[in-house]
């Protein structure tokens, strides 16, 4: 059970940081192949913002799961 708690926290923090950097700091280079797709016109900044938001939400959920596991398990 401790392994699940640790994995949840680590993944939660990783997703939270990546989502923050992509969404708010506009570091679109963290998305694989985004620069080339952006220059080719296949993807735009709204795509990158959606990816950042999704990663941010996943990070929040995983951290919440980790906290719940620590408190109740």
PDB file of N, CA and C in Angstrom:
ATOM      1  N   UNK A   1       0.815  -1.190   0.000  1.00  0.00           N
ATOM      2  CA  UNK A   1       0.000   0.000   0.000  1.00  0.00           C
ATOM      3  C   UNK A   1       0.864   1.261   0.000  1.00  0.00           C
ATOM      4  N   UNK A   2       2.019   1.175   0.635  1.00  0.00           N
ATOM      5  CA  UNK A   2       2.920   2.323   0.660  1.00  0.00           C
ATOM      6  C   UNK A   2       3.409   2.653  -0.740  1.00  0.00           C
ATOM      7  N   UNK A   3       3.632   1.632  -1.546  1.00  0.00           N
ATOM      8  CA  UNK A   3       4.096   1.846  -2.920  1.00  0.00           C
ATOM      9  C   UNK A   3       3.040   2.613  -3.718  1.00  0.00           C
ATOM     10  N   UNK A   4       1.787   2.278  -3.541  1.00  0.00           N
ATOM     11  CA  UNK A   4       0.709   2.967  -4.249  1.00  0.00           C
ATOM     12  C   UNK A   4       0.640   4.435  -3.818  1.00  0.00           C
ATOM     13  N   UNK A   5       0.832   4.704  -2.537  1.00  0.00           N
ATOM     14  CA  UNK A   5       0.826   6.080  -2.044  1.00  0.00           C
ATOM     15  C   UNK A   5       1.972   6.882  -2.655  1.00  0.00           C
ATOM     16  N   UNK A   6       3.149   6.289  -2.676  1.00  0.00           N
ATOM     17  CA  UNK A   6       4.323   6.977  -3.232  1.00  0.00           C
ATOM     18  C   UNK A   6       4.146   7.236  -4.717  1.00  0.00           C
ATOM     19  N   UNK A   7       3.679   6.228  -5.458  1.00  0.00           N
ATOM     20  CA  UNK A   7       3.459   6.389  -6.897  1.00  0.00           C
ATOM     21  C   UNK A   7       2.420   7.466  -7.157  1.00  0.00           C
ATOM     22  N   UNK A   8       1.357   7.483  -6.375  1.00  0.00           N
ATOM     23  CA  UNK A   8       0.312   8.489  -6.549  1.00  0.00           C
ATOM     24  C   UNK A   8       0.860   9.896  -6.320  1.00  0.00           C
ATOM     25  N   UNK A   9       1.632  10.078  -5.261  1.00  0.00           N
ATOM     26  CA  UNK A   9       2.204  11.394  -4.992  1.00  0.00           C
ATOM     27  C   UNK A   9       3.180  11.821  -6.082  1.00  0.00           C
ATOM     28  N   UNK A  10       4.073  10.934  -6.477  1.00  0.00           N
ATOM     29  CA  UNK A  10       5.087  11.285  -7.476  1.00  0.00           C
ATOM     30  C   UNK A  10       4.443  11.612  -8.819  1.00  0.00           C
ATOM     31  N   UNK A  11       3.521  10.774  -9.263  1.00  0.00           N
ATOM     32  CA  UNK A  11       2.839  11.049 -10.524  1.00  0.00           C
ATOM     33  C   UNK A  11       1.985  12.308 -10.427  1.00  0.00           C
ATOM     34  N   UNK A  12       1.340  12.517  -9.296  1.00  0.00           N
ATOM     35  CA  UNK A  12       0.540  13.717  -9.111  1.00  0.00           C
ATOM     36  C   UNK A  12       1.371  14.981  -9.196  1.00  0.00           C
ATOM     37  N   UNK A  13       2.507  14.976  -8.544  1.00  0.00           N
ATOM     38  CA  UNK A  13       3.388  16.143  -8.585  1.00  0.00           C
ATOM     39  C   UNK A  13       3.939  16.351  -9.991  1.00  0.00           C
ATOM     40  N   UNK A  14       4.324  15.264 -10.666  1.00  0.00           N
ATOM     41  CA  UNK A  14       4.861  15.377 -12.024  1.00  0.00           C
ATOM     42  C   UNK A  14       3.815  15.951 -12.982  1.00  0.00           C
ATOM     43  N   UNK A  15       2.619  15.392 -12.970  1.00  0.00           N
ATOM     44  CA  UNK A  15       1.568  15.893 -13.854  1.00  0.00           C
ATOM     45  C   UNK A  15       1.198  17.331 -13.507  1.00  0.00           C
ATOM     46  N   UNK A  16       1.153  17.643 -12.221  1.00  0.00           N
ATOM     47  CA  UNK A  16       0.812  18.993 -11.791  1.00  0.00           C
ATOM     48  C   UNK A  16       1.845  20.002 -12.298  1.00  0.00           C
ATOM     49  N   UNK A  17       3.116  19.665 -12.163  1.00  0.00           N
ATOM     50  CA  UNK A  17       4.159  20.576 -12.627  1.00  0.00           C
ATOM     51  C   UNK A  17       4.160  20.726 -14.145  1.00  0.00           C
ATOM     52  N   UNK A  18       4.040  19.604 -14.863  1.00  0.00           N
ATOM     53  CA  UNK A  18       4.004  19.693 -16.319  1.00  0.00           C
ATOM     54  C   UNK A  18       2.793  20.501 -16.779  1.00  0.00           C
ATOM     55  N   UNK A  19       1.646  20.266 -16.178  1.00  0.00           N
ATOM     56  CA  UNK A  19       0.451  21.021 -16.536  1.00  0.00           C
ATOM     57  C   UNK A  19       0.601  22.502 -16.249  1.00  0.00           C
ATOM     58  N   UNK A  20       1.208  22.821 -15.113  1.00  0.00           N
ATOM     59  CA  UNK A  20       1.435  24.224 -14.758  1.00  0.00           C
ATOM     60  C   UNK A  20       2.371  24.891 -15.753  1.00  0.00           C
ATOM     61  N   UNK A  21       3.481  24.227 -16.053  1.00  0.00           N
ATOM     62  CA  UNK A  21       4.449  24.829 -16.971  1.00  0.00           C
ATOM     63  C   UNK A  21       3.878  24.994 -18.374  1.00  0.00           C
ATOM     64  N   UNK A  22       3.102  24.034 -18.833  1.00  0.00           N
ATOM     65  CA  UNK A  22       2.531  24.129 -20.170  1.00  0.00           C
ATOM     66  C   UNK A  22       1.415  25.165 -20.202  1.00  0.00           C
ATOM     67  N   UNK A  23       0.527  25.123 -19.244  1.00  0.00           N
ATOM     68  CA  UNK A  23      -0.669  25.983 -19.262  1.00  0.00           C
ATOM     69  C   UNK A  23      -0.354  27.438 -18.935  1.00  0.00           C
ATOM     70  N   UNK A  24       0.407  27.674 -17.860  1.00  0.00           N
ATOM     71  CA  UNK A  24       0.587  29.039 -17.382  1.00  0.00           C
ATOM     72  C   UNK A  24       1.924  29.662 -17.780  1.00  0.00           C
ATOM     73  N   UNK A  25       2.972  28.870 -17.901  1.00  0.00           N
ATOM     74  CA  UNK A  25       4.280  29.397 -18.276  1.00  0.00           C
ATOM     75  C   UNK A  25       4.548  29.302 -19.776  1.00  0.00           C
ATOM     76  N   UNK A  26       3.617  28.721 -20.514  1.00  0.00           N
ATOM     77  CA  UNK A  26       3.676  28.618 -21.976  1.00  0.00           C
ATOM     78  C   UNK A  26       4.949  27.921 -22.465  1.00  0.00           C
ATOM     79  N   UNK A  27       5.368  26.875 -21.768  1.00  0.00           N
ATOM     80  CA  UNK A  27       6.521  26.077 -22.195  1.00  0.00           C
ATOM     81  C   UNK A  27       6.009  24.916 -23.043  1.00  0.00           C
ATOM     82  N   UNK A  28       5.677  25.239 -24.282  1.00  0.00           N
ATOM     83  CA  UNK A  28       5.087  24.256 -25.176  1.00  0.00           C
ATOM     84  C   UNK A  28       6.084  23.202 -25.647  1.00  0.00           C
ATOM     85  N   UNK A  29       7.352  23.437 -25.408  1.00  0.00           N
ATOM     86  CA  UNK A  29       8.368  22.451 -25.788  1.00  0.00           C
ATOM     87  C   UNK A  29       8.263  21.173 -24.960  1.00  0.00           C
ATOM     88  N   UNK A  30       7.528  21.202 -23.859  1.00  0.00           N
ATOM     89  CA  UNK A  30       7.354  20.000 -23.049  1.00  0.00           C
ATOM     90  C   UNK A  30       6.422  18.989 -23.718  1.00  0.00           C
ATOM     91  N   UNK A  31       5.695  19.429 -24.738  1.00  0.00           N
ATOM     92  CA  UNK A  31       4.824  18.527 -25.496  1.00  0.00           C
ATOM     93  C   UNK A  31       5.644  17.969 -26.660  1.00  0.00           C
ATOM     94  N   UNK A  32       5.706  16.661 -26.753  1.00  0.00           N
ATOM     95  CA  UNK A  32       6.520  16.023 -27.785  1.00  0.00           C
ATOM     96  C   UNK A  32       6.057  16.404 -29.183  1.00  0.00           C
ATOM     97  N   UNK A  33       6.970  16.929 -29.975  1.00  0.00           N
ATOM     98  CA  UNK A  33       6.703  17.235 -31.366  1.00  0.00           C
ATOM     99  C   UNK A  33       5.811  18.432 -31.603  1.00  0.00           C
ATOM    100  N   UNK A  34       5.533  19.218 -30.563  1.00  0.00           N
ATOM    101  CA  UNK A  34       4.613  20.341 -30.740  1.00  0.00           C
ATOM    102  C   UNK A  34       5.202  21.413 -31.637  1.00  0.00           C
ATOM    103  N   UNK A  35       6.474  21.703 -31.479  1.00  0.00           N
ATOM    104  CA  UNK A  35       7.099  22.790 -32.249  1.00  0.00           C
ATOM    105  C   UNK A  35       7.000  22.504 -33.748  1.00  0.00           C
ATOM    106  N   UNK A  36       7.310  21.276 -34.147  1.00  0.00           N
ATOM    107  CA  UNK A  36       7.247  20.926 -35.570  1.00  0.00           C
ATOM    108  C   UNK A  36       5.804  20.945 -36.081  1.00  0.00           C
ATOM    109  N   UNK A  37       4.880  20.422 -35.286  1.00  0.00           N
ATOM    110  CA  UNK A  37       3.474  20.436 -35.693  1.00  0.00           C
ATOM    111  C   UNK A  37       2.916  21.851 -35.733  1.00  0.00           C
ATOM    112  N   UNK A  38       3.370  22.705 -34.840  1.00  0.00           N
ATOM    113  CA  UNK A  38       2.919  24.095 -34.825  1.00  0.00           C
ATOM    114  C   UNK A  38       3.401  24.830 -36.069  1.00  0.00           C
ATOM    115  N   UNK A  39       4.653  24.611 -36.427  1.00  0.00           N
ATOM    116  CA  UNK A  39       5.201  25.272 -37.611  1.00  0.00           C
ATOM    117  C   UNK A  39       4.567  24.744 -38.894  1.00  0.00           C
ATOM    118  N   UNK A  40       4.166  23.480 -38.887  1.00  0.00           N
ATOM    119  CA  UNK A  40       3.516  22.905 -40.058  1.00  0.00           C
ATOM    120  C   UNK A  40       2.035  23.266 -40.116  1.00  0.00           C
ATOM    121  N   UNK A  41       1.500  23.841 -39.054  1.00  0.00           N
ATOM    122  CA  UNK A  41       0.110  24.265 -39.036  1.00  0.00           C
ATOM    123  C   UNK A  41      -0.870  23.192 -38.608  1.00  0.00           C
ATOM    124  N   UNK A  42      -0.366  22.075 -38.112  1.00  0.00           N
ATOM    125  CA  UNK A  42      -1.258  20.992 -37.674  1.00  0.00           C
ATOM    126  C   UNK A  42      -1.840  21.220 -36.295  1.00  0.00           C
ATOM    127  N   UNK A  43      -1.114  21.949 -35.451  1.00  0.00           N
ATOM    128  CA  UNK A  43      -1.570  22.204 -34.086  1.00  0.00           C
ATOM    129  C   UNK A  43      -1.424  23.690 -33.784  1.00  0.00           C
ATOM    130  N   UNK A  44      -2.248  24.184 -32.860  1.00  0.00           N
ATOM    131  CA  UNK A  44      -2.176  25.586 -32.485  1.00  0.00           C
ATOM    132  C   UNK A  44      -2.007  25.710 -30.966  1.00  0.00           C
ATOM    133  N   UNK A  45      -2.003  26.952 -30.487  1.00  0.00           N
ATOM    134  CA  UNK A  45      -1.783  27.182 -29.058  1.00  0.00           C
ATOM    135  C   UNK A  45      -2.945  26.684 -28.212  1.00  0.00           C
ATOM    136  N   UNK A  46      -4.146  26.668 -28.758  1.00  0.00           N
ATOM    137  CA  UNK A  46      -5.292  26.146 -27.993  1.00  0.00           C
ATOM    138  C   UNK A  46      -5.098  24.667 -27.679  1.00  0.00           C
ATOM    139  N   UNK A  47      -4.506  23.922 -28.607  1.00  0.00           N
ATOM    140  CA  UNK A  47      -4.207  22.511 -28.358  1.00  0.00           C
ATOM    141  C   UNK A  47      -3.253  22.379 -27.170  1.00  0.00           C
ATOM    142  N   UNK A  48      -2.213  23.185 -27.158  1.00  0.00           N
ATOM    143  CA  UNK A  48      -1.237  23.123 -26.066  1.00  0.00           C
ATOM    144  C   UNK A  48      -1.876  23.507 -24.738  1.00  0.00           C
ATOM    145  N   UNK A  49      -2.763  24.492 -24.756  1.00  0.00           N
ATOM    146  CA  UNK A  49      -3.431  24.886 -23.520  1.00  0.00           C
ATOM    147  C   UNK A  49      -4.355  23.780 -23.018  1.00  0.00           C
ATOM    148  N   UNK A  50      -5.017  23.068 -23.926  1.00  0.00           N
ATOM    149  CA  UNK A  50      -5.878  21.950 -23.506  1.00  0.00           C
ATOM    150  C   UNK A  50      -5.046  20.826 -22.915  1.00  0.00           C
ATOM    151  N   UNK A  51      -3.903  20.536 -23.537  1.00  0.00           N
ATOM    152  CA  UNK A  51      -3.019  19.493 -23.004  1.00  0.00           C
ATOM    153  C   UNK A  51      -2.540  19.885 -21.605  1.00  0.00           C
ATOM    154  N   UNK A  52      -2.160  21.145 -21.421  1.00  0.00           N
ATOM    155  CA  UNK A  52      -1.723  21.618 -20.107  1.00  0.00           C
ATOM    156  C   UNK A  52      -2.823  21.524 -19.077  1.00  0.00           C
ATOM    157  N   UNK A  53      -4.041  21.870 -19.467  1.00  0.00           N
ATOM    158  CA  UNK A  53      -5.169  21.798 -18.531  1.00  0.00           C
ATOM    159  C   UNK A  53      -5.468  20.359 -18.139  1.00  0.00           C
ATOM    160  N   UNK A  54      -5.431  19.455 -19.101  1.00  0.00           N
ATOM    161  CA  UNK A  54      -5.684  18.042 -18.815  1.00  0.00           C
ATOM    162  C   UNK A  54      -4.630  17.492 -17.863  1.00  0.00           C
ATOM    163  N   UNK A  55      -3.367  17.819 -18.107  1.00  0.00           N
ATOM    164  CA  UNK A  55      -2.312  17.333 -17.219  1.00  0.00           C
ATOM    165  C   UNK A  55      -2.441  17.947 -15.826  1.00  0.00           C
ATOM    166  N   UNK A  56      -2.835  19.199 -15.757  1.00  0.00           N
ATOM    167  CA  UNK A  56      -3.031  19.848 -14.467  1.00  0.00           C
ATOM    168  C   UNK A  56      -4.142  19.167 -13.679  1.00  0.00           C
ATOM    169  N   UNK A  57      -5.247  18.855 -14.339  1.00  0.00           N
ATOM    170  CA  UNK A  57      -6.369  18.188 -13.675  1.00  0.00           C
ATOM    171  C   UNK A  57      -5.983  16.783 -13.225  1.00  0.00           C
ATOM    172  N   UNK A  58      -5.273  16.051 -14.076  1.00  0.00           N
ATOM    173  CA  UNK A  58      -4.826  14.707 -13.697  1.00  0.00           C
ATOM    174  C   UNK A  58      -3.907  14.783 -12.481  1.00  0.00           C
ATOM    175  N   UNK A  59      -3.023  15.768 -12.451  1.00  0.00           N
ATOM    176  CA  UNK A  59      -2.135  15.941 -11.302  1.00  0.00           C
ATOM    177  C   UNK A  59      -2.885  16.220 -10.021  1.00  0.00           C
ATOM    178  N   UNK A  60      -3.900  17.074 -10.097  1.00  0.00           N
ATOM    179  CA  UNK A  60      -4.706  17.387  -8.913  1.00  0.00           C
ATOM    180  C   UNK A  60      -5.437  16.140  -8.421  1.00  0.00           C
ATOM    181  N   UNK A  61      -5.997  15.375  -9.352  1.00  0.00           N
ATOM    182  CA  UNK A  61      -6.728  14.160  -8.978  1.00  0.00           C
ATOM    183  C   UNK A  61      -5.790  13.141  -8.327  1.00  0.00           C
ATOM    184  N   UNK A  62      -4.619  12.939  -8.908  1.00  0.00           N
ATOM    185  CA  UNK A  62      -3.678  11.966  -8.343  1.00  0.00           C
ATOM    186  C   UNK A  62      -3.181  12.396  -6.964  1.00  0.00           C
ATOM    187  N   UNK A  63      -2.933  13.688  -6.789  1.00  0.00           N
ATOM    188  CA  UNK A  63      -2.541  14.156  -5.456  1.00  0.00           C
ATOM    189  C   UNK A  63      -3.665  13.986  -4.452  1.00  0.00           C
ATOM    190  N   UNK A  64      -4.888  14.238  -4.872  1.00  0.00           N
ATOM    191  CA  UNK A  64      -6.033  14.053  -3.982  1.00  0.00           C
ATOM    192  C   UNK A  64      -6.173  12.581  -3.595  1.00  0.00           C
ATOM    193  N   UNK A  65      -5.986  11.693  -4.565  1.00  0.00           N
ATOM    194  CA  UNK A  65      -6.040  10.248  -4.269  1.00  0.00           C
ATOM    195  C   UNK A  65      -4.949   9.873  -3.277  1.00  0.00           C
ATOM    196  N   UNK A  66      -3.756  10.435  -3.469  1.00  0.00           N
ATOM    197  CA  UNK A  66      -2.655  10.162  -2.537  1.00  0.00           C
ATOM    198  C   UNK A  66      -2.970  10.626  -1.125  1.00  0.00           C
ATOM    199  N   UNK A  67      -3.559  11.801  -0.991  1.00  0.00           N
ATOM    200  CA  UNK A  67      -3.918  12.325   0.333  1.00  0.00           C
ATOM    201  C   UNK A  67      -5.004  11.458   0.965  1.00  0.00           C
ATOM    202  N   UNK A  68      -5.987  11.078   0.175  1.00  0.00           N
ATOM    203  CA  UNK A  68      -7.063  10.212   0.700  1.00  0.00           C
ATOM    204  C   UNK A  68      -6.497   8.864   1.154  1.00  0.00           C
ATOM    205  N   UNK A  69      -5.569   8.322   0.394  1.00  0.00           N
ATOM    206  CA  UNK A  69      -4.967   7.052   0.793  1.00  0.00           C
ATOM    207  C   UNK A  69      -4.169   7.184   2.085  1.00  0.00           C
ATOM    208  N   UNK A  70      -3.472   8.298   2.238  1.00  0.00           N
ATOM    209  CA  UNK A  70      -2.705   8.496   3.469  1.00  0.00           C
ATOM    210  C   UNK A  70      -3.638   8.657   4.665  1.00  0.00           C
ATOM    211  N   UNK A  71      -4.720   9.373   4.489  1.00  0.00           N
ATOM    212  CA  UNK A  71      -5.625   9.626   5.610  1.00  0.00           C
ATOM    213  C   UNK A  71      -6.468   8.423   5.997  1.00  0.00           C
ATOM    214  N   UNK A  72      -6.922   7.655   5.013  1.00  0.00           N
ATOM    215  CA  UNK A  72      -7.894   6.590   5.302  1.00  0.00           C
ATOM    216  C   UNK A  72      -7.375   5.172   5.139  1.00  0.00           C
ATOM    217  N   UNK A  73      -6.162   4.986   4.667  1.00  0.00           N
ATOM    218  CA  UNK A  73      -5.677   3.611   4.480  1.00  0.00           C
ATOM    219  C   UNK A  73      -4.425   3.381   5.295  1.00  0.00           C
TER     220      UNK A  73
END
